[in-house]
N, C-alpha and C. Protein backbone atom coordinates (compact mmCIF):
# COMPACT_ATOMS: atom_id res chain seq x y z
N MET A 1 199.33 58.36 154.05
CA MET A 1 199.16 59.29 155.17
C MET A 1 198.03 60.26 154.85
N GLY A 2 197.17 60.49 155.83
CA GLY A 2 196.02 61.37 155.64
C GLY A 2 196.36 62.84 155.78
N LYS A 3 195.35 63.65 155.59
CA LYS A 3 195.49 65.09 155.66
C LYS A 3 195.35 65.58 157.11
N ILE A 4 195.74 66.84 157.30
CA ILE A 4 195.65 67.49 158.60
C ILE A 4 194.53 68.52 158.55
N CYS A 5 193.67 68.50 159.56
CA CYS A 5 192.58 69.47 159.70
C CYS A 5 192.83 70.31 160.95
N ALA A 6 192.73 71.63 160.80
CA ALA A 6 192.88 72.55 161.93
C ALA A 6 191.54 73.17 162.28
N PHE A 7 191.39 73.53 163.55
CA PHE A 7 190.18 74.19 164.04
C PHE A 7 190.49 75.64 164.42
N PHE A 8 189.59 76.56 164.02
CA PHE A 8 189.66 77.96 164.44
C PHE A 8 188.24 78.43 164.72
N GLY A 9 188.03 79.04 165.87
CA GLY A 9 186.69 79.53 166.19
C GLY A 9 186.71 80.55 167.29
N HIS A 10 185.62 81.29 167.39
CA HIS A 10 185.49 82.31 168.43
C HIS A 10 185.54 81.64 169.80
N ARG A 11 186.33 82.20 170.67
CA ARG A 11 186.62 81.57 171.95
C ARG A 11 185.43 81.50 172.90
N ASP A 12 184.52 82.47 172.83
CA ASP A 12 183.44 82.55 173.81
C ASP A 12 182.07 82.15 173.28
N GLU A 13 182.01 81.52 172.13
CA GLU A 13 180.72 81.16 171.55
C GLU A 13 180.61 79.65 171.39
N TYR A 14 179.43 79.13 171.72
CA TYR A 14 179.18 77.70 171.58
C TYR A 14 178.72 77.38 170.16
N PRO A 15 179.42 76.47 169.49
CA PRO A 15 178.98 76.07 168.15
C PRO A 15 177.82 75.08 168.23
N ASP A 16 177.17 74.88 167.11
CA ASP A 16 176.15 73.84 166.99
C ASP A 16 176.90 72.51 167.03
N ILE A 17 176.78 71.77 168.13
CA ILE A 17 177.53 70.53 168.34
C ILE A 17 177.22 69.49 167.27
N VAL A 18 175.96 69.36 166.91
CA VAL A 18 175.57 68.38 165.89
C VAL A 18 176.23 68.71 164.56
N LYS A 19 176.20 69.99 164.19
CA LYS A 19 176.80 70.44 162.93
C LYS A 19 178.32 70.22 162.94
N LEU A 20 178.96 70.54 164.07
CA LEU A 20 180.40 70.36 164.19
C LEU A 20 180.77 68.89 164.10
N LYS A 21 180.04 68.04 164.77
CA LYS A 21 180.31 66.60 164.73
C LYS A 21 180.15 66.06 163.31
N GLU A 22 179.11 66.47 162.62
CA GLU A 22 178.90 66.05 161.23
C GLU A 22 180.05 66.51 160.34
N GLN A 23 180.53 67.73 160.57
CA GLN A 23 181.62 68.27 159.75
C GLN A 23 182.91 67.51 159.98
N ILE A 24 183.18 67.17 161.23
CA ILE A 24 184.39 66.39 161.54
C ILE A 24 184.33 65.03 160.85
N LYS A 25 183.19 64.36 160.96
CA LYS A 25 183.04 63.06 160.29
C LYS A 25 183.19 63.20 158.78
N TYR A 26 182.63 64.27 158.23
CA TYR A 26 182.70 64.51 156.78
C TYR A 26 184.16 64.62 156.31
N VAL A 27 184.98 65.41 157.03
CA VAL A 27 186.36 65.58 156.57
C VAL A 27 187.17 64.30 156.74
N ILE A 28 186.82 63.48 157.71
CA ILE A 28 187.50 62.18 157.85
C ILE A 28 187.16 61.30 156.65
N GLU A 29 185.89 61.24 156.31
CA GLU A 29 185.44 60.34 155.24
C GLU A 29 185.71 60.88 153.83
N LYS A 30 185.50 62.18 153.61
CA LYS A 30 185.57 62.74 152.25
C LYS A 30 186.87 63.46 151.93
N GLU A 31 187.54 63.97 152.95
CA GLU A 31 188.79 64.71 152.72
C GLU A 31 190.03 63.92 153.15
N ASN A 32 189.82 62.69 153.63
CA ASN A 32 190.92 61.82 154.06
C ASN A 32 191.74 62.42 155.20
N VAL A 33 191.08 63.08 156.13
CA VAL A 33 191.75 63.66 157.29
C VAL A 33 192.00 62.56 158.33
N SER A 34 193.23 62.52 158.83
CA SER A 34 193.55 61.55 159.88
C SER A 34 194.17 62.23 161.11
N LYS A 35 194.46 63.53 160.99
CA LYS A 35 195.06 64.25 162.11
C LYS A 35 194.34 65.58 162.29
N PHE A 36 194.03 65.90 163.54
CA PHE A 36 193.36 67.15 163.87
C PHE A 36 194.26 67.98 164.77
N TRP A 37 194.36 69.27 164.45
CA TRP A 37 195.15 70.21 165.24
C TRP A 37 194.23 71.21 165.90
N CYS A 38 194.47 71.45 167.16
CA CYS A 38 193.63 72.36 167.94
C CYS A 38 194.52 73.27 168.78
N GLY A 39 194.11 74.52 168.96
CA GLY A 39 194.87 75.47 169.76
C GLY A 39 194.60 75.37 171.25
N GLY A 40 193.47 74.79 171.61
CA GLY A 40 193.19 74.53 173.02
C GLY A 40 192.67 75.70 173.83
N TYR A 41 192.26 76.79 173.17
CA TYR A 41 191.74 77.95 173.90
C TYR A 41 190.27 78.13 173.62
N GLY A 42 189.49 78.28 174.63
CA GLY A 42 188.11 78.69 174.47
C GLY A 42 187.12 77.57 174.21
N VAL A 43 185.88 77.98 174.11
CA VAL A 43 184.74 77.07 173.98
C VAL A 43 184.81 76.25 172.71
N PHE A 44 185.02 76.91 171.56
CA PHE A 44 185.02 76.17 170.29
C PHE A 44 186.11 75.11 170.27
N ASP A 45 187.33 75.48 170.65
CA ASP A 45 188.43 74.50 170.66
C ASP A 45 188.12 73.32 171.57
N ASN A 46 187.58 73.60 172.74
CA ASN A 46 187.26 72.51 173.67
C ASN A 46 186.16 71.60 173.12
N CYS A 47 185.14 72.19 172.49
CA CYS A 47 184.08 71.39 171.87
C CYS A 47 184.66 70.52 170.75
N ALA A 48 185.48 71.13 169.90
CA ALA A 48 186.07 70.40 168.77
C ALA A 48 186.93 69.24 169.26
N ALA A 49 187.79 69.50 170.24
CA ALA A 49 188.67 68.45 170.76
C ALA A 49 187.86 67.32 171.39
N SER A 50 186.84 67.67 172.15
CA SER A 50 186.00 66.64 172.78
C SER A 50 185.29 65.77 171.74
N LEU A 51 184.81 66.41 170.68
CA LEU A 51 184.12 65.65 169.63
C LEU A 51 185.08 64.74 168.87
N VAL A 52 186.27 65.22 168.58
CA VAL A 52 187.26 64.36 167.90
C VAL A 52 187.54 63.14 168.77
N LYS A 53 187.73 63.36 170.05
CA LYS A 53 188.00 62.24 170.96
C LYS A 53 186.82 61.26 170.97
N GLN A 54 185.61 61.78 170.95
CA GLN A 54 184.41 60.95 170.94
C GLN A 54 184.29 60.17 169.62
N ILE A 55 184.57 60.83 168.53
CA ILE A 55 184.46 60.23 167.19
C ILE A 55 185.52 59.15 166.98
N ARG A 56 186.58 59.23 167.74
CA ARG A 56 187.65 58.23 167.61
C ARG A 56 187.14 56.81 167.84
N LYS A 57 186.06 56.66 168.59
CA LYS A 57 185.49 55.33 168.82
C LYS A 57 185.02 54.71 167.51
N GLU A 58 184.63 55.56 166.58
CA GLU A 58 184.15 55.12 165.27
C GLU A 58 185.28 55.10 164.24
N PHE A 59 186.21 56.02 164.36
CA PHE A 59 187.35 56.16 163.43
C PHE A 59 188.63 56.12 164.25
N ASN A 60 189.11 54.93 164.57
CA ASN A 60 190.24 54.82 165.48
C ASN A 60 191.59 55.24 164.89
N GLN A 61 191.62 55.57 163.60
CA GLN A 61 192.88 55.96 162.97
C GLN A 61 193.20 57.44 163.15
N ILE A 62 192.28 58.22 163.73
CA ILE A 62 192.51 59.66 163.83
C ILE A 62 193.33 60.02 165.06
N GLU A 63 194.04 61.14 164.94
CA GLU A 63 194.92 61.62 166.00
C GLU A 63 194.55 63.07 166.31
N LEU A 64 194.66 63.45 167.57
CA LEU A 64 194.35 64.81 168.01
C LEU A 64 195.59 65.40 168.68
N GLN A 65 196.07 66.52 168.12
CA GLN A 65 197.26 67.16 168.67
C GLN A 65 196.95 68.59 169.10
N LEU A 66 197.51 68.97 170.22
CA LEU A 66 197.42 70.34 170.72
C LEU A 66 198.62 71.10 170.17
N ILE A 67 198.36 72.22 169.51
CA ILE A 67 199.45 73.05 168.99
C ILE A 67 199.60 74.23 169.95
N LEU A 68 200.70 74.23 170.66
CA LEU A 68 200.93 75.20 171.73
C LEU A 68 201.38 76.55 171.19
N ALA A 69 200.90 77.61 171.83
CA ALA A 69 201.39 78.96 171.54
C ALA A 69 202.48 79.34 172.55
N TYR A 70 202.45 78.70 173.71
CA TYR A 70 203.42 78.97 174.78
C TYR A 70 203.88 77.64 175.36
N LEU A 71 205.12 77.60 175.80
CA LEU A 71 205.60 76.40 176.49
C LEU A 71 204.90 76.31 177.84
N PRO A 72 204.49 75.12 178.24
CA PRO A 72 203.84 74.99 179.55
C PRO A 72 204.82 75.32 180.68
N LYS A 73 204.30 75.90 181.74
CA LYS A 73 205.12 76.16 182.93
C LYS A 73 205.39 74.82 183.61
N ASP A 74 206.34 74.81 184.51
CA ASP A 74 206.77 73.56 185.17
C ASP A 74 205.63 72.76 185.78
N ASN A 75 204.69 73.42 186.43
CA ASN A 75 203.62 72.70 187.11
C ASN A 75 202.35 72.57 186.26
N GLU A 76 202.42 73.02 185.04
CA GLU A 76 201.25 73.01 184.15
C GLU A 76 201.23 71.73 183.32
N LYS A 77 200.08 71.05 183.32
CA LYS A 77 199.95 69.82 182.56
C LYS A 77 199.08 70.06 181.33
N ILE A 78 199.37 69.34 180.27
CA ILE A 78 198.58 69.40 179.06
C ILE A 78 197.41 68.44 179.23
N SER A 79 196.24 68.87 178.82
CA SER A 79 195.03 68.06 178.96
C SER A 79 195.22 66.67 178.36
N GLY A 80 194.72 65.68 179.06
CA GLY A 80 194.81 64.30 178.61
C GLY A 80 193.93 63.98 177.42
N ILE A 81 193.13 64.94 176.98
CA ILE A 81 192.27 64.71 175.82
C ILE A 81 193.10 64.60 174.54
N TYR A 82 194.29 65.22 174.54
CA TYR A 82 195.14 65.23 173.34
C TYR A 82 196.09 64.03 173.33
N ASP A 83 196.39 63.55 172.13
CA ASP A 83 197.34 62.46 171.99
C ASP A 83 198.76 62.94 172.18
N SER A 84 199.02 64.17 171.76
CA SER A 84 200.35 64.75 171.88
C SER A 84 200.24 66.26 171.67
N SER A 85 201.37 66.93 171.84
CA SER A 85 201.39 68.37 171.61
C SER A 85 202.61 68.73 170.77
N ILE A 86 202.51 69.88 170.13
CA ILE A 86 203.60 70.40 169.31
C ILE A 86 203.82 71.85 169.72
N TYR A 87 205.06 72.22 169.92
CA TYR A 87 205.42 73.62 170.12
C TYR A 87 206.19 74.04 168.87
N PRO A 88 205.56 74.85 168.00
CA PRO A 88 206.19 75.20 166.72
C PRO A 88 207.55 75.89 166.88
N GLU A 89 208.46 75.52 165.98
CA GLU A 89 209.77 76.14 165.98
C GLU A 89 209.63 77.65 165.78
N SER A 90 210.51 78.38 166.33
CA SER A 90 210.63 79.85 166.25
C SER A 90 209.66 80.61 167.15
N LEU A 91 208.70 79.94 167.79
CA LEU A 91 207.82 80.67 168.70
C LEU A 91 208.55 81.16 169.95
N GLU A 92 209.61 80.47 170.31
CA GLU A 92 210.35 80.90 171.50
C GLU A 92 210.99 82.27 171.29
N LEU A 93 211.14 82.69 170.04
CA LEU A 93 211.70 84.00 169.72
C LEU A 93 210.63 85.07 169.59
N CYS A 94 209.40 84.68 169.62
CA CYS A 94 208.26 85.57 169.40
C CYS A 94 207.83 86.24 170.72
N HIS A 95 207.49 87.50 170.65
CA HIS A 95 206.95 88.19 171.83
C HIS A 95 205.64 87.49 172.22
N PRO A 96 205.42 87.24 173.50
CA PRO A 96 204.20 86.53 173.93
C PRO A 96 202.90 87.15 173.42
N ARG A 97 202.90 88.44 173.22
CA ARG A 97 201.71 89.13 172.72
C ARG A 97 201.28 88.64 171.33
N PHE A 98 202.26 88.17 170.55
CA PHE A 98 201.98 87.74 169.18
C PHE A 98 202.03 86.23 168.99
N ALA A 99 202.23 85.50 170.09
CA ALA A 99 202.45 84.05 169.99
C ALA A 99 201.26 83.31 169.39
N ILE A 100 200.04 83.67 169.76
CA ILE A 100 198.87 82.95 169.23
C ILE A 100 198.71 83.18 167.74
N SER A 101 198.87 84.42 167.29
CA SER A 101 198.72 84.68 165.85
C SER A 101 199.85 84.02 165.06
N LYS A 102 201.06 84.02 165.60
CA LYS A 102 202.18 83.33 164.92
C LYS A 102 201.94 81.82 164.88
N ARG A 103 201.44 81.27 165.98
CA ARG A 103 201.11 79.85 166.02
C ARG A 103 200.04 79.52 164.98
N ASN A 104 199.02 80.37 164.89
CA ASN A 104 197.96 80.16 163.91
C ASN A 104 198.50 80.18 162.49
N GLN A 105 199.42 81.10 162.21
CA GLN A 105 200.05 81.15 160.87
C GLN A 105 200.82 79.87 160.58
N TRP A 106 201.53 79.37 161.59
CA TRP A 106 202.27 78.12 161.45
C TRP A 106 201.32 76.97 161.13
N ILE A 107 200.19 76.92 161.84
CA ILE A 107 199.19 75.87 161.61
C ILE A 107 198.65 75.94 160.19
N ILE A 108 198.24 77.13 159.78
CA ILE A 108 197.63 77.29 158.46
C ILE A 108 198.60 76.89 157.35
N LYS A 109 199.85 77.25 157.51
CA LYS A 109 200.86 76.91 156.50
C LYS A 109 200.99 75.39 156.31
N ARG A 110 200.74 74.62 157.37
CA ARG A 110 201.00 73.18 157.35
C ARG A 110 199.75 72.29 157.28
N CYS A 111 198.58 72.87 157.48
CA CYS A 111 197.37 72.04 157.43
C CYS A 111 196.80 71.99 156.02
N ASP A 112 195.87 71.08 155.81
CA ASP A 112 195.23 70.92 154.51
C ASP A 112 193.79 71.43 154.51
N VAL A 113 193.12 71.25 155.63
CA VAL A 113 191.69 71.53 155.76
C VAL A 113 191.48 72.35 157.04
N VAL A 114 190.50 73.25 157.01
CA VAL A 114 190.16 74.04 158.19
C VAL A 114 188.67 73.92 158.46
N ILE A 115 188.33 73.59 159.69
CA ILE A 115 186.95 73.68 160.16
C ILE A 115 186.93 74.87 161.11
N CYS A 116 186.07 75.83 160.80
CA CYS A 116 186.02 77.01 161.64
C CYS A 116 184.60 77.36 162.05
N TYR A 117 184.54 78.21 163.03
CA TYR A 117 183.27 78.70 163.54
C TYR A 117 183.39 80.22 163.61
N ILE A 118 183.05 80.87 162.49
CA ILE A 118 183.23 82.31 162.35
C ILE A 118 181.86 82.96 162.17
N ASN A 119 181.54 83.85 163.10
CA ASN A 119 180.25 84.56 163.05
C ASN A 119 180.40 86.05 162.80
N HIS A 120 181.59 86.60 163.00
CA HIS A 120 181.79 88.03 162.79
C HIS A 120 183.18 88.30 162.23
N SER A 121 183.34 89.47 161.65
CA SER A 121 184.56 89.78 160.91
C SER A 121 185.57 90.57 161.74
N TYR A 122 185.90 90.07 162.92
CA TYR A 122 186.97 90.63 163.74
C TYR A 122 187.46 89.54 164.69
N GLY A 123 188.65 89.76 165.24
CA GLY A 123 189.22 88.82 166.20
C GLY A 123 190.21 87.85 165.58
N GLY A 124 190.83 87.09 166.46
CA GLY A 124 191.87 86.15 166.05
C GLY A 124 191.38 85.02 165.16
N ALA A 125 190.20 84.48 165.47
CA ALA A 125 189.66 83.38 164.65
C ALA A 125 189.36 83.88 163.25
N TYR A 126 188.81 85.08 163.15
CA TYR A 126 188.53 85.65 161.82
C TYR A 126 189.82 85.91 161.06
N SER A 127 190.85 86.40 161.74
CA SER A 127 192.15 86.62 161.08
C SER A 127 192.72 85.31 160.54
N ALA A 128 192.62 84.25 161.33
CA ALA A 128 193.10 82.93 160.88
C ALA A 128 192.29 82.46 159.67
N TYR A 129 190.99 82.66 159.72
CA TYR A 129 190.11 82.30 158.60
C TYR A 129 190.53 83.03 157.33
N LYS A 130 190.81 84.33 157.43
CA LYS A 130 191.23 85.11 156.25
C LYS A 130 192.55 84.60 155.69
N ILE A 131 193.49 84.28 156.56
CA ILE A 131 194.79 83.76 156.11
C ILE A 131 194.60 82.41 155.42
N ALA A 132 193.78 81.56 156.00
CA ALA A 132 193.52 80.24 155.40
C ALA A 132 192.86 80.39 154.04
N LYS A 133 191.92 81.32 153.94
CA LYS A 133 191.23 81.56 152.68
C LYS A 133 192.20 82.06 151.61
N LYS A 134 193.04 83.00 152.00
CA LYS A 134 194.04 83.56 151.07
C LYS A 134 195.05 82.49 150.65
N SER A 135 195.31 81.53 151.54
CA SER A 135 196.27 80.45 151.26
C SER A 135 195.66 79.33 150.42
N GLY A 136 194.37 79.43 150.13
CA GLY A 136 193.72 78.41 149.30
C GLY A 136 193.39 77.12 150.02
N LYS A 137 193.28 77.17 151.33
CA LYS A 137 192.95 75.96 152.10
C LYS A 137 191.47 75.59 151.88
N ILE A 138 191.17 74.33 152.06
CA ILE A 138 189.78 73.87 152.06
C ILE A 138 189.19 74.31 153.39
N ILE A 139 188.12 75.10 153.36
CA ILE A 139 187.54 75.67 154.58
C ILE A 139 186.09 75.30 154.69
N TYR A 140 185.72 74.85 155.89
CA TYR A 140 184.31 74.59 156.21
C TYR A 140 183.97 75.47 157.41
N ASN A 141 183.17 76.49 157.18
CA ASN A 141 182.74 77.36 158.27
C ASN A 141 181.36 76.95 158.72
N ILE A 142 181.24 76.52 159.96
CA ILE A 142 179.93 76.14 160.49
C ILE A 142 179.26 77.31 161.19
N GLY A 143 179.92 78.47 161.17
CA GLY A 143 179.33 79.68 161.74
C GLY A 143 178.45 80.39 160.73
N SER A 144 178.01 81.58 161.08
CA SER A 144 177.04 82.29 160.25
C SER A 144 177.65 83.31 159.30
N LEU A 145 178.98 83.55 159.37
CA LEU A 145 179.60 84.54 158.49
C LEU A 145 179.56 84.05 157.05
N VAL A 146 179.07 84.91 156.17
CA VAL A 146 179.04 84.60 154.74
C VAL A 146 179.83 85.68 154.02
N GLU A 147 180.83 85.25 153.27
CA GLU A 147 181.64 86.21 152.49
C GLU A 147 181.67 85.81 151.04
């Protein structure tokens, strides 16, 4: 069984698509990643999910899962780009205001590799990056933040 790679990035910024695609392929080939987890919010997540789906033509063993912060409403559908979705245990007890950060902590605890797009030292993506770094995860930042 392969490793799990999670994506974290600034919601309103477009990443370098070529760089992101190369990084995804790299973790599949060099880090033995076979499953990708995405939060599904914002530009970076959408770019990452689209690229994983595109790369699947070359690496058909990979899987893309949406990790939900909130349960979908009755009339709300999950994007067909994902193979499946996961709603982490205990989030139903979490105040909605903290659901995304709790979901991110759940992801970091269970993933092996992180591909992120971090350009500045504030916000939810940066907080997830710091937690992943403190947890000793393998991190590839394609953004401009250098620490």
